[in-house]
mmCIF file of all heavy atoms, coordinates in Angstrom:
data_MODEL
# 
_entry.id   MODEL 
# 
loop_
_atom_site.group_PDB 
_atom_site.id 
_atom_site.type_symbol 
_atom_site.label_atom_id 
_atom_site.label_alt_id 
_atom_site.label_comp_id 
_atom_site.label_asym_id 
_atom_site.label_entity_id 
_atom_site.label_seq_id 
_atom_site.pdbx_PDB_ins_code 
_atom_site.Cartn_x 
_atom_site.Cartn_y 
_atom_site.Cartn_z 
_atom_site.occupancy 
_atom_site.B_iso_or_equiv 
_atom_site.pdbx_formal_charge 
_atom_site.auth_seq_id 
_atom_site.auth_comp_id 
_atom_site.auth_asym_id 
_atom_site.auth_atom_id 
_atom_site.pdbx_PDB_model_num 
ATOM 1   N N   . VAL A 1 1  ? 0.806  -1.218  -0.028 1.00 0.00 ? 1  VAL A N   1 
ATOM 2   C CA  . VAL A 1 1  ? -0.022 0.030   -0.009 1.00 0.00 ? 1  VAL A CA  1 
ATOM 3   C C   . VAL A 1 1  ? 0.868  1.264   0.001  1.00 0.00 ? 1  VAL A C   1 
ATOM 4   O O   . VAL A 1 1  ? 1.993  1.187   0.357  1.00 0.00 ? 1  VAL A O   1 
ATOM 5   C CB  . VAL A 1 1  ? -0.927 0.065   1.214  1.00 0.00 ? 1  VAL A CB  1 
ATOM 6   C CG1 . VAL A 1 1  ? -1.923 -1.150  1.200  1.00 0.00 ? 1  VAL A CG1 1 
ATOM 7   C CG2 . VAL A 1 1  ? -0.127 -0.003  2.478  1.00 0.00 ? 1  VAL A CG2 1 
ATOM 8   N N   . GLU A 1 2  ? 0.320  2.341   -0.381 1.00 0.00 ? 2  GLU A N   1 
ATOM 9   C CA  . GLU A 1 2  ? 0.839  3.699   -0.262 1.00 0.00 ? 2  GLU A CA  1 
ATOM 10  C C   . GLU A 1 2  ? -0.282 4.563   0.185  1.00 0.00 ? 2  GLU A C   1 
ATOM 11  O O   . GLU A 1 2  ? -1.418 4.277   0.086  1.00 0.00 ? 2  GLU A O   1 
ATOM 12  C CB  . GLU A 1 2  ? 1.423  4.147   -1.551 1.00 0.00 ? 2  GLU A CB  1 
ATOM 13  C CG  . GLU A 1 2  ? 0.465  4.262   -2.662 1.00 0.00 ? 2  GLU A CG  1 
ATOM 14  C CD  . GLU A 1 2  ? 1.003  4.718   -4.036 1.00 0.00 ? 2  GLU A CD  1 
ATOM 15  O OE1 . GLU A 1 2  ? 2.249  4.338   -4.330 1.00 0.00 ? 2  GLU A OE1 1 
ATOM 16  O OE2 . GLU A 1 2  ? 0.309  5.393   -4.823 1.00 0.00 ? 2  GLU A OE2 1 
ATOM 17  N N   . PHE A 1 3  ? 0.106  5.800   0.536  1.00 0.00 ? 3  PHE A N   1 
ATOM 18  C CA  . PHE A 1 3  ? -0.910 6.784   0.915  1.00 0.00 ? 3  PHE A CA  1 
ATOM 19  C C   . PHE A 1 3  ? -0.250 8.135   0.943  1.00 0.00 ? 3  PHE A C   1 
ATOM 20  O O   . PHE A 1 3  ? 1.020  8.258   0.922  1.00 0.00 ? 3  PHE A O   1 
ATOM 21  C CB  . PHE A 1 3  ? -1.666 6.530   2.294  1.00 0.00 ? 3  PHE A CB  1 
ATOM 22  C CG  . PHE A 1 3  ? -0.807 5.995   3.338  1.00 0.00 ? 3  PHE A CG  1 
ATOM 23  C CD1 . PHE A 1 3  ? 0.075  6.869   4.014  1.00 0.00 ? 3  PHE A CD1 1 
ATOM 24  C CD2 . PHE A 1 3  ? -0.792 4.713   3.851  1.00 0.00 ? 3  PHE A CD2 1 
ATOM 25  C CE1 . PHE A 1 3  ? 0.907  6.473   5.044  1.00 0.00 ? 3  PHE A CE1 1 
ATOM 26  C CE2 . PHE A 1 3  ? -0.068 4.213   4.814  1.00 0.00 ? 3  PHE A CE2 1 
ATOM 27  C CZ  . PHE A 1 3  ? 0.826  5.088   5.436  1.00 0.00 ? 3  PHE A CZ  1 
ATOM 28  N N   . LEU A 1 4  ? -1.033 9.272   1.058  1.00 0.00 ? 4  LEU A N   1 
ATOM 29  C CA  . LEU A 1 4  ? -0.468 10.542  1.048  1.00 0.00 ? 4  LEU A CA  1 
ATOM 30  C C   . LEU A 1 4  ? 0.231  10.852  2.368  1.00 0.00 ? 4  LEU A C   1 
ATOM 31  O O   . LEU A 1 4  ? 1.419  11.140  2.411  1.00 0.00 ? 4  LEU A O   1 
ATOM 32  C CB  . LEU A 1 4  ? -1.642 11.570  0.857  1.00 0.00 ? 4  LEU A CB  1 
ATOM 33  C CG  . LEU A 1 4  ? -2.281 11.564  -0.512 1.00 0.00 ? 4  LEU A CG  1 
ATOM 34  C CD1 . LEU A 1 4  ? -3.280 12.679  -0.681 1.00 0.00 ? 4  LEU A CD1 1 
ATOM 35  C CD2 . LEU A 1 4  ? -1.236 11.645  -1.688 1.00 0.00 ? 4  LEU A CD2 1 
ATOM 36  N N   . PHE A 1 5  ? -0.503 10.758  3.453  1.00 0.00 ? 5  PHE A N   1 
ATOM 37  C CA  . PHE A 1 5  ? 0.129  11.220  4.763  1.00 0.00 ? 5  PHE A CA  1 
ATOM 38  C C   . PHE A 1 5  ? -0.251 10.255  5.889  1.00 0.00 ? 5  PHE A C   1 
ATOM 39  O O   . PHE A 1 5  ? -1.378 9.851   6.023  1.00 0.00 ? 5  PHE A O   1 
ATOM 40  C CB  . PHE A 1 5  ? -0.465 12.666  5.116  1.00 0.00 ? 5  PHE A CB  1 
ATOM 41  C CG  . PHE A 1 5  ? -0.462 13.567  3.957  1.00 0.00 ? 5  PHE A CG  1 
ATOM 42  C CD1 . PHE A 1 5  ? -1.586 14.013  3.400  1.00 0.00 ? 5  PHE A CD1 1 
ATOM 43  C CD2 . PHE A 1 5  ? 0.805  14.102  3.477  1.00 0.00 ? 5  PHE A CD2 1 
ATOM 44  C CE1 . PHE A 1 5  ? -1.567 14.901  2.292  1.00 0.00 ? 5  PHE A CE1 1 
ATOM 45  C CE2 . PHE A 1 5  ? 0.872  14.893  2.400  1.00 0.00 ? 5  PHE A CE2 1 
ATOM 46  C CZ  . PHE A 1 5  ? -0.348 15.361  1.779  1.00 0.00 ? 5  PHE A CZ  1 
ATOM 47  N N   . PRO A 1 6  ? 0.657  9.967   6.740  1.00 0.00 ? 6  PRO A N   1 
ATOM 48  C CA  . PRO A 1 6  ? 0.444  9.146   7.879  1.00 0.00 ? 6  PRO A CA  1 
ATOM 49  C C   . PRO A 1 6  ? 0.243  9.865   9.262  1.00 0.00 ? 6  PRO A C   1 
ATOM 50  O O   . PRO A 1 6  ? -0.030 9.271   10.268 1.00 0.00 ? 6  PRO A O   1 
ATOM 51  C CB  . PRO A 1 6  ? 1.750  8.275   7.980  1.00 0.00 ? 6  PRO A CB  1 
ATOM 52  C CG  . PRO A 1 6  ? 2.805  9.193   7.614  1.00 0.00 ? 6  PRO A CG  1 
ATOM 53  C CD  . PRO A 1 6  ? 2.113  10.142  6.531  1.00 0.00 ? 6  PRO A CD  1 
ATOM 54  N N   . TYR A 1 7  ? 0.383  11.128  9.195  1.00 0.00 ? 7  TYR A N   1 
ATOM 55  C CA  . TYR A 1 7  ? 0.654  11.923  10.407 1.00 0.00 ? 7  TYR A CA  1 
ATOM 56  C C   . TYR A 1 7  ? -0.538 12.059  11.387 1.00 0.00 ? 7  TYR A C   1 
ATOM 57  O O   . TYR A 1 7  ? -0.293 12.462  12.552 1.00 0.00 ? 7  TYR A O   1 
ATOM 58  C CB  . TYR A 1 7  ? 1.201  13.274  10.080 1.00 0.00 ? 7  TYR A CB  1 
ATOM 59  C CG  . TYR A 1 7  ? 2.405  13.117  9.109  1.00 0.00 ? 7  TYR A CG  1 
ATOM 60  C CD1 . TYR A 1 7  ? 2.197  13.630  7.747  1.00 0.00 ? 7  TYR A CD1 1 
ATOM 61  C CD2 . TYR A 1 7  ? 3.515  12.515  9.470  1.00 0.00 ? 7  TYR A CD2 1 
ATOM 62  C CE1 . TYR A 1 7  ? 3.214  13.412  6.847  1.00 0.00 ? 7  TYR A CE1 1 
ATOM 63  C CE2 . TYR A 1 7  ? 4.555  12.419  8.498  1.00 0.00 ? 7  TYR A CE2 1 
ATOM 64  C CZ  . TYR A 1 7  ? 4.397  12.857  7.194  1.00 0.00 ? 7  TYR A CZ  1 
ATOM 65  O OH  . TYR A 1 7  ? 5.433  12.662  6.334  1.00 0.00 ? 7  TYR A OH  1 
ATOM 66  N N   . ASP A 1 8  ? -1.737 11.731  10.955 1.00 0.00 ? 8  ASP A N   1 
ATOM 67  C CA  . ASP A 1 8  ? -2.924 11.698  11.835 1.00 0.00 ? 8  ASP A CA  1 
ATOM 68  C C   . ASP A 1 8  ? -2.928 10.561  12.793 1.00 0.00 ? 8  ASP A C   1 
ATOM 69  O O   . ASP A 1 8  ? -3.745 10.488  13.706 1.00 0.00 ? 8  ASP A O   1 
ATOM 70  C CB  . ASP A 1 8  ? -4.204 11.707  11.014 1.00 0.00 ? 8  ASP A CB  1 
ATOM 71  C CG  . ASP A 1 8  ? -4.438 13.102  10.353 1.00 0.00 ? 8  ASP A CG  1 
ATOM 72  O OD1 . ASP A 1 8  ? -3.888 14.056  10.812 1.00 0.00 ? 8  ASP A OD1 1 
ATOM 73  O OD2 . ASP A 1 8  ? -5.281 13.155  9.513  1.00 0.00 ? 8  ASP A OD2 1 
ATOM 74  N N   . TYR A 1 9  ? -2.069 9.547   12.616 1.00 0.00 ? 9  TYR A N   1 
ATOM 75  C CA  . TYR A 1 9  ? -1.994 8.378   13.445 1.00 0.00 ? 9  TYR A CA  1 
ATOM 76  C C   . TYR A 1 9  ? -0.563 8.107   13.951 1.00 0.00 ? 9  TYR A C   1 
ATOM 77  O O   . TYR A 1 9  ? 0.388  8.365   13.207 1.00 0.00 ? 9  TYR A O   1 
ATOM 78  C CB  . TYR A 1 9  ? -2.471 7.226   12.616 1.00 0.00 ? 9  TYR A CB  1 
ATOM 79  C CG  . TYR A 1 9  ? -3.836 7.369   12.012 1.00 0.00 ? 9  TYR A CG  1 
ATOM 80  C CD1 . TYR A 1 9  ? -3.942 7.956   10.675 1.00 0.00 ? 9  TYR A CD1 1 
ATOM 81  C CD2 . TYR A 1 9  ? -5.003 7.011   12.720 1.00 0.00 ? 9  TYR A CD2 1 
ATOM 82  C CE1 . TYR A 1 9  ? -5.235 8.151   10.177 1.00 0.00 ? 9  TYR A CE1 1 
ATOM 83  C CE2 . TYR A 1 9  ? -6.243 7.255   12.130 1.00 0.00 ? 9  TYR A CE2 1 
ATOM 84  C CZ  . TYR A 1 9  ? -6.280 7.773   10.895 1.00 0.00 ? 9  TYR A CZ  1 
ATOM 85  O OH  . TYR A 1 9  ? -7.599 8.026   10.372 1.00 0.00 ? 9  TYR A OH  1 
ATOM 86  N N   . PRO A 1 10 ? -0.443 7.563   15.170 1.00 0.00 ? 10 PRO A N   1 
ATOM 87  C CA  . PRO A 1 10 ? 0.875  7.178   15.589 1.00 0.00 ? 10 PRO A CA  1 
ATOM 88  C C   . PRO A 1 10 ? 1.488  6.159   14.744 1.00 0.00 ? 10 PRO A C   1 
ATOM 89  O O   . PRO A 1 10 ? 0.744  5.252   14.221 1.00 0.00 ? 10 PRO A O   1 
ATOM 90  C CB  . PRO A 1 10 ? 0.662  6.712   17.068 1.00 0.00 ? 10 PRO A CB  1 
ATOM 91  C CG  . PRO A 1 10 ? -0.635 7.210   17.393 1.00 0.00 ? 10 PRO A CG  1 
ATOM 92  C CD  . PRO A 1 10 ? -1.490 7.442   16.107 1.00 0.00 ? 10 PRO A CD  1 
ATOM 93  N N   . ALA A 1 11 ? 2.776  6.159   14.582 1.00 0.00 ? 11 ALA A N   1 
ATOM 94  C CA  . ALA A 1 11 ? 3.382  5.148   13.655 1.00 0.00 ? 11 ALA A CA  1 
ATOM 95  C C   . ALA A 1 11 ? 3.059  3.752   14.109 1.00 0.00 ? 11 ALA A C   1 
ATOM 96  O O   . ALA A 1 11 ? 2.880  2.876   13.238 1.00 0.00 ? 11 ALA A O   1 
ATOM 97  C CB  . ALA A 1 11 ? 4.931  5.418   13.592 1.00 0.00 ? 11 ALA A CB  1 
ATOM 98  N N   . GLU A 1 12 ? 3.030  3.522   15.371 1.00 0.00 ? 12 GLU A N   1 
ATOM 99  C CA  . GLU A 1 12 ? 2.865  2.111   15.875 1.00 0.00 ? 12 GLU A CA  1 
ATOM 100 C C   . GLU A 1 12 ? 1.415  1.667   15.479 1.00 0.00 ? 12 GLU A C   1 
ATOM 101 O O   . GLU A 1 12 ? 1.205  0.438   15.262 1.00 0.00 ? 12 GLU A O   1 
ATOM 102 C CB  . GLU A 1 12 ? 3.064  1.976   17.389 1.00 0.00 ? 12 GLU A CB  1 
ATOM 103 C CG  . GLU A 1 12 ? 2.199  3.001   18.203 1.00 0.00 ? 12 GLU A CG  1 
ATOM 104 C CD  . GLU A 1 12 ? 2.932  4.263   18.540 1.00 0.00 ? 12 GLU A CD  1 
ATOM 105 O OE1 . GLU A 1 12 ? 3.764  4.678   17.829 1.00 0.00 ? 12 GLU A OE1 1 
ATOM 106 O OE2 . GLU A 1 12 ? 2.530  4.920   19.629 1.00 0.00 ? 12 GLU A OE2 1 
ATOM 107 N N   . VAL A 1 13 ? 0.414  2.538   15.361 1.00 0.00 ? 13 VAL A N   1 
ATOM 108 C CA  . VAL A 1 13 ? -0.914 2.140   15.034 1.00 0.00 ? 13 VAL A CA  1 
ATOM 109 C C   . VAL A 1 13 ? -0.908 1.688   13.548 1.00 0.00 ? 13 VAL A C   1 
ATOM 110 O O   . VAL A 1 13 ? -1.526 0.643   13.113 1.00 0.00 ? 13 VAL A O   1 
ATOM 111 C CB  . VAL A 1 13 ? -1.880 3.287   15.182 1.00 0.00 ? 13 VAL A CB  1 
ATOM 112 C CG1 . VAL A 1 13 ? -3.294 2.922   14.605 1.00 0.00 ? 13 VAL A CG1 1 
ATOM 113 C CG2 . VAL A 1 13 ? -2.038 3.559   16.692 1.00 0.00 ? 13 VAL A CG2 1 
ATOM 114 N N   . ILE A 1 14 ? -0.226 2.438   12.639 1.00 0.00 ? 14 ILE A N   1 
ATOM 115 C CA  . ILE A 1 14 ? -0.179 2.077   11.247 1.00 0.00 ? 14 ILE A CA  1 
ATOM 116 C C   . ILE A 1 14 ? 0.605  0.829   11.092 1.00 0.00 ? 14 ILE A C   1 
ATOM 117 O O   . ILE A 1 14 ? 0.295  -0.176  10.341 1.00 0.00 ? 14 ILE A O   1 
ATOM 118 C CB  . ILE A 1 14 ? 0.419  3.197   10.419 1.00 0.00 ? 14 ILE A CB  1 
ATOM 119 C CG1 . ILE A 1 14 ? -0.500 4.409   10.472 1.00 0.00 ? 14 ILE A CG1 1 
ATOM 120 C CG2 . ILE A 1 14 ? 0.667  2.803   8.996  1.00 0.00 ? 14 ILE A CG2 1 
ATOM 121 C CD1 . ILE A 1 14 ? -0.052 5.684   9.791  1.00 0.00 ? 14 ILE A CD1 1 
ATOM 122 N N   . LYS A 1 15 ? 1.680  0.729   11.815 1.00 0.00 ? 15 LYS A N   1 
ATOM 123 C CA  . LYS A 1 15 ? 2.592  -0.530  11.781 1.00 0.00 ? 15 LYS A CA  1 
ATOM 124 C C   . LYS A 1 15 ? 1.748  -1.789  12.119 1.00 0.00 ? 15 LYS A C   1 
ATOM 125 O O   . LYS A 1 15 ? 1.949  -2.830  11.459 1.00 0.00 ? 15 LYS A O   1 
ATOM 126 C CB  . LYS A 1 15 ? 3.773  -0.352  12.723 1.00 0.00 ? 15 LYS A CB  1 
ATOM 127 C CG  . LYS A 1 15 ? 4.798  -1.524  12.607 1.00 0.00 ? 15 LYS A CG  1 
ATOM 128 C CD  . LYS A 1 15 ? 5.988  -1.164  13.503 1.00 0.00 ? 15 LYS A CD  1 
ATOM 129 C CE  . LYS A 1 15 ? 6.953  -2.340  13.382 1.00 0.00 ? 15 LYS A CE  1 
ATOM 130 N NZ  . LYS A 1 15 ? 8.236  -2.067  14.230 1.00 0.00 ? 15 LYS A NZ  1 
ATOM 131 N N   . ALA A 1 16 ? 0.927  -1.682  13.108 1.00 0.00 ? 16 ALA A N   1 
ATOM 132 C CA  . ALA A 1 16 ? 0.115  -2.759  13.500 1.00 0.00 ? 16 ALA A CA  1 
ATOM 133 C C   . ALA A 1 16 ? -0.827 -3.246  12.362 1.00 0.00 ? 16 ALA A C   1 
ATOM 134 O O   . ALA A 1 16 ? -1.071 -4.414  12.135 1.00 0.00 ? 16 ALA A O   1 
ATOM 135 C CB  . ALA A 1 16 ? -0.724 -2.470  14.706 1.00 0.00 ? 16 ALA A CB  1 
ATOM 136 N N   . ARG A 1 17 ? -1.416 -2.199  11.688 1.00 0.00 ? 17 ARG A N   1 
ATOM 137 C CA  . ARG A 1 17 ? -2.311 -2.556  10.570 1.00 0.00 ? 17 ARG A CA  1 
ATOM 138 C C   . ARG A 1 17 ? -1.520 -3.239  9.333  1.00 0.00 ? 17 ARG A C   1 
ATOM 139 O O   . ARG A 1 17 ? -1.970 -4.188  8.784  1.00 0.00 ? 17 ARG A O   1 
ATOM 140 C CB  . ARG A 1 17 ? -3.066 -1.282  10.035 1.00 0.00 ? 17 ARG A CB  1 
ATOM 141 C CG  . ARG A 1 17 ? -3.897 -0.596  11.016 1.00 0.00 ? 17 ARG A CG  1 
ATOM 142 C CD  . ARG A 1 17 ? -4.757 -1.504  11.873 1.00 0.00 ? 17 ARG A CD  1 
ATOM 143 N NE  . ARG A 1 17 ? -5.611 -2.373  11.084 1.00 0.00 ? 17 ARG A NE  1 
ATOM 144 C CZ  . ARG A 1 17 ? -6.007 -3.542  11.459 1.00 0.00 ? 17 ARG A CZ  1 
ATOM 145 N NH1 . ARG A 1 17 ? -5.770 -4.055  12.639 1.00 0.00 ? 17 ARG A NH1 1 
ATOM 146 N NH2 . ARG A 1 17 ? -6.820 -4.298  10.678 1.00 0.00 ? 17 ARG A NH2 1 
ATOM 147 N N   . LEU A 1 18 ? -0.292 -2.788  9.206  1.00 0.00 ? 18 LEU A N   1 
ATOM 148 C CA  . LEU A 1 18 ? 0.483  -3.380  8.129  1.00 0.00 ? 18 LEU A CA  1 
ATOM 149 C C   . LEU A 1 18 ? 0.895  -4.705  8.450  1.00 0.00 ? 18 LEU A C   1 
ATOM 150 O O   . LEU A 1 18 ? 0.756  -5.726  7.592  1.00 0.00 ? 18 LEU A O   1 
ATOM 151 C CB  . LEU A 1 18 ? 1.740  -2.466  7.940  1.00 0.00 ? 18 LEU A CB  1 
ATOM 152 C CG  . LEU A 1 18 ? 1.657  -1.085  7.303  1.00 0.00 ? 18 LEU A CG  1 
ATOM 153 C CD1 . LEU A 1 18 ? 2.837  -0.263  7.442  1.00 0.00 ? 18 LEU A CD1 1 
ATOM 154 C CD2 . LEU A 1 18 ? 1.263  -1.237  5.829  1.00 0.00 ? 18 LEU A CD2 1 
ATOM 155 N N   . GLN A 1 19 ? 1.326  -4.971  9.721  1.00 0.00 ? 19 GLN A N   1 
ATOM 156 C CA  . GLN A 1 19 ? 1.716  -6.286  10.071 1.00 0.00 ? 19 GLN A CA  1 
ATOM 157 C C   . GLN A 1 19 ? 0.585  -7.284  10.114 1.00 0.00 ? 19 GLN A C   1 
ATOM 158 O O   . GLN A 1 19 ? 0.736  -8.462  9.770  1.00 0.00 ? 19 GLN A O   1 
ATOM 159 C CB  . GLN A 1 19 ? 2.439  -6.178  11.434 1.00 0.00 ? 19 GLN A CB  1 
ATOM 160 C CG  . GLN A 1 19 ? 3.744  -5.518  11.416 1.00 0.00 ? 19 GLN A CG  1 
ATOM 161 C CD  . GLN A 1 19 ? 4.450  -5.383  12.764 1.00 0.00 ? 19 GLN A CD  1 
ATOM 162 O OE1 . GLN A 1 19 ? 3.755  -5.514  13.859 1.00 0.00 ? 19 GLN A OE1 1 
ATOM 163 N NE2 . GLN A 1 19 ? 5.742  -5.274  12.762 1.00 0.00 ? 19 GLN A NE2 1 
ATOM 164 N N   . HIS A 1 20 ? -0.578 -6.821  10.693 1.00 0.00 ? 20 HIS A N   1 
ATOM 165 C CA  . HIS A 1 20 ? -1.735 -7.709  10.659 1.00 0.00 ? 20 HIS A CA  1 
ATOM 166 C C   . HIS A 1 20 ? -2.112 -8.254  9.356  1.00 0.00 ? 20 HIS A C   1 
ATOM 167 O O   . HIS A 1 20 ? -2.554 -9.334  9.197  1.00 0.00 ? 20 HIS A O   1 
ATOM 168 C CB  . HIS A 1 20 ? -2.870 -6.953  11.320 1.00 0.00 ? 20 HIS A CB  1 
ATOM 169 C CG  . HIS A 1 20 ? -4.173 -7.718  11.411 1.00 0.00 ? 20 HIS A CG  1 
ATOM 170 N ND1 . HIS A 1 20 ? -4.443 -8.792  12.230 1.00 0.00 ? 20 HIS A ND1 1 
ATOM 171 C CD2 . HIS A 1 20 ? -5.343 -7.639  10.586 1.00 0.00 ? 20 HIS A CD2 1 
ATOM 172 C CE1 . HIS A 1 20 ? -5.619 -9.245  12.024 1.00 0.00 ? 20 HIS A CE1 1 
ATOM 173 N NE2 . HIS A 1 20 ? -6.167 -8.600  11.009 1.00 0.00 ? 20 HIS A NE2 1 
ATOM 174 N N   . ASN A 1 21 ? -1.960 -7.381  8.354  1.00 0.00 ? 21 ASN A N   1 
ATOM 175 C CA  . ASN A 1 21 ? -2.401 -7.770  6.936  1.00 0.00 ? 21 ASN A CA  1 
ATOM 176 C C   . ASN A 1 21 ? -1.159 -8.185  6.077  1.00 0.00 ? 21 ASN A C   1 
ATOM 177 O O   . ASN A 1 21 ? -1.361 -8.343  4.833  1.00 0.00 ? 21 ASN A O   1 
ATOM 178 C CB  . ASN A 1 21 ? -3.091 -6.543  6.300  1.00 0.00 ? 21 ASN A CB  1 
ATOM 179 C CG  . ASN A 1 21 ? -4.482 -6.383  6.895  1.00 0.00 ? 21 ASN A CG  1 
ATOM 180 O OD1 . ASN A 1 21 ? -5.386 -7.103  6.751  1.00 0.00 ? 21 ASN A OD1 1 
ATOM 181 N ND2 . ASN A 1 21 ? -4.547 -5.302  7.714  1.00 0.00 ? 21 ASN A ND2 1 
ATOM 182 N N   . GLN A 1 22 ? 0.045  -8.280  6.654  1.00 0.00 ? 22 GLN A N   1 
ATOM 183 C CA  . GLN A 1 22 ? 1.172  -8.653  5.893  1.00 0.00 ? 22 GLN A CA  1 
ATOM 184 C C   . GLN A 1 22 ? 1.402  -7.791  4.672  1.00 0.00 ? 22 GLN A C   1 
ATOM 185 O O   . GLN A 1 22 ? 1.616  -8.277  3.532  1.00 0.00 ? 22 GLN A O   1 
ATOM 186 C CB  . GLN A 1 22 ? 1.154  -10.136 5.509  1.00 0.00 ? 22 GLN A CB  1 
ATOM 187 C CG  . GLN A 1 22 ? 1.171  -11.030 6.673  1.00 0.00 ? 22 GLN A CG  1 
ATOM 188 C CD  . GLN A 1 22 ? 1.141  -12.494 6.262  1.00 0.00 ? 22 GLN A CD  1 
ATOM 189 O OE1 . GLN A 1 22 ? 0.443  -12.984 5.414  1.00 0.00 ? 22 GLN A OE1 1 
ATOM 190 N NE2 . GLN A 1 22 ? 1.959  -13.245 6.969  1.00 0.00 ? 22 GLN A NE2 1 
ATOM 191 N N   . LEU A 1 23 ? 1.290  -6.448  4.873  1.00 0.00 ? 23 LEU A N   1 
ATOM 192 C CA  . LEU A 1 23 ? 1.358  -5.542  3.802  1.00 0.00 ? 23 LEU A CA  1 
ATOM 193 C C   . LEU A 1 23 ? 2.743  -4.721  3.937  1.00 0.00 ? 23 LEU A C   1 
ATOM 194 O O   . LEU A 1 23 ? 3.186  -4.490  5.023  1.00 0.00 ? 23 LEU A O   1 
ATOM 195 C CB  . LEU A 1 23 ? 0.275  -4.490  3.869  1.00 0.00 ? 23 LEU A CB  1 
ATOM 196 C CG  . LEU A 1 23 ? -1.157 -5.046  3.475  1.00 0.00 ? 23 LEU A CG  1 
ATOM 197 C CD1 . LEU A 1 23 ? -2.218 -3.999  3.880  1.00 0.00 ? 23 LEU A CD1 1 
ATOM 198 C CD2 . LEU A 1 23 ? -1.272 -5.298  1.948  1.00 0.00 ? 23 LEU A CD2 1 
ATOM 199 N N   . GLN A 1 24 ? 3.205  -4.370  2.803  1.00 0.00 ? 24 GLN A N   1 
ATOM 200 C CA  . GLN A 1 24 ? 4.472  -3.512  2.687  1.00 0.00 ? 24 GLN A CA  1 
ATOM 201 C C   . GLN A 1 24 ? 3.952  -2.103  2.437  1.00 0.00 ? 24 GLN A C   1 
ATOM 202 O O   . GLN A 1 24 ? 3.170  -1.890  1.500  1.00 0.00 ? 24 GLN A O   1 
ATOM 203 C CB  . GLN A 1 24 ? 5.457  -4.023  1.655  1.00 0.00 ? 24 GLN A CB  1 
ATOM 204 C CG  . GLN A 1 24 ? 6.510  -3.005  1.257  1.00 0.00 ? 24 GLN A CG  1 
ATOM 205 C CD  . GLN A 1 24 ? 7.564  -2.826  2.343  1.00 0.00 ? 24 GLN A CD  1 
ATOM 206 O OE1 . GLN A 1 24 ? 8.038  -3.878  2.880  1.00 0.00 ? 24 GLN A OE1 1 
ATOM 207 N NE2 . GLN A 1 24 ? 7.827  -1.660  2.742  1.00 0.00 ? 24 GLN A NE2 1 
ATOM 208 N N   . LEU A 1 25 ? 4.446  -1.132  3.226  1.00 0.00 ? 25 LEU A N   1 
ATOM 209 C CA  . LEU A 1 25 ? 4.258  0.210   2.899  1.00 0.00 ? 25 LEU A CA  1 
ATOM 210 C C   . LEU A 1 25 ? 5.294  0.676   1.956  1.00 0.00 ? 25 LEU A C   1 
ATOM 211 O O   . LEU A 1 25 ? 6.550  0.543   2.251  1.00 0.00 ? 25 LEU A O   1 
ATOM 212 C CB  . LEU A 1 25 ? 4.232  1.143   4.163  1.00 0.00 ? 25 LEU A CB  1 
ATOM 213 C CG  . LEU A 1 25 ? 4.164  2.639   3.944  1.00 0.00 ? 25 LEU A CG  1 
ATOM 214 C CD1 . LEU A 1 25 ? 2.819  3.019   3.197  1.00 0.00 ? 25 LEU A CD1 1 
ATOM 215 C CD2 . LEU A 1 25 ? 4.197  3.349   5.229  1.00 0.00 ? 25 LEU A CD2 1 
ATOM 216 N N   . VAL A 1 26 ? 4.948  1.194   0.778  1.00 0.00 ? 26 VAL A N   1 
ATOM 217 C CA  . VAL A 1 26 ? 6.089  1.555   -0.220 1.00 0.00 ? 26 VAL A CA  1 
ATOM 218 C C   . VAL A 1 26 ? 6.211  3.039   -0.456 1.00 0.00 ? 26 VAL A C   1 
ATOM 219 O O   . VAL A 1 26 ? 7.170  3.408   -1.130 1.00 0.00 ? 26 VAL A O   1 
ATOM 220 C CB  . VAL A 1 26 ? 5.703  0.856   -1.523 1.00 0.00 ? 26 VAL A CB  1 
ATOM 221 C CG1 . VAL A 1 26 ? 5.710  -0.669  -1.358 1.00 0.00 ? 26 VAL A CG1 1 
ATOM 222 C CG2 . VAL A 1 26 ? 4.388  1.257   -2.164 1.00 0.00 ? 26 VAL A CG2 1 
ATOM 223 N N   . LEU A 1 27 ? 5.283  3.916   0.023  1.00 0.00 ? 27 LEU A N   1 
ATOM 224 C CA  . LEU A 1 27 ? 5.442  5.352   -0.249 1.00 0.00 ? 27 LEU A CA  1 
ATOM 225 C C   . LEU A 1 27 ? 4.431  6.143   0.593  1.00 0.00 ? 27 LEU A C   1 
ATOM 226 O O   . LEU A 1 27 ? 3.334  5.785   0.845  1.00 0.00 ? 27 LEU A O   1 
ATOM 227 C CB  . LEU A 1 27 ? 5.169  5.661   -1.751 1.00 0.00 ? 27 LEU A CB  1 
ATOM 228 C CG  . LEU A 1 27 ? 5.272  7.120   -2.175 1.00 0.00 ? 27 LEU A CG  1 
ATOM 229 C CD1 . LEU A 1 27 ? 6.736  7.538   -2.142 1.00 0.00 ? 27 LEU A CD1 1 
ATOM 230 C CD2 . LEU A 1 27 ? 4.661  7.315   -3.528 1.00 0.00 ? 27 LEU A CD2 1 
# 
């Protein structure tokens, strides 16, 4: 996945969603 901005969420919250779904953040 990619997205415009992550800054509305703590990095650990986004990291948990990535890991739960086995997704790579690319941009």
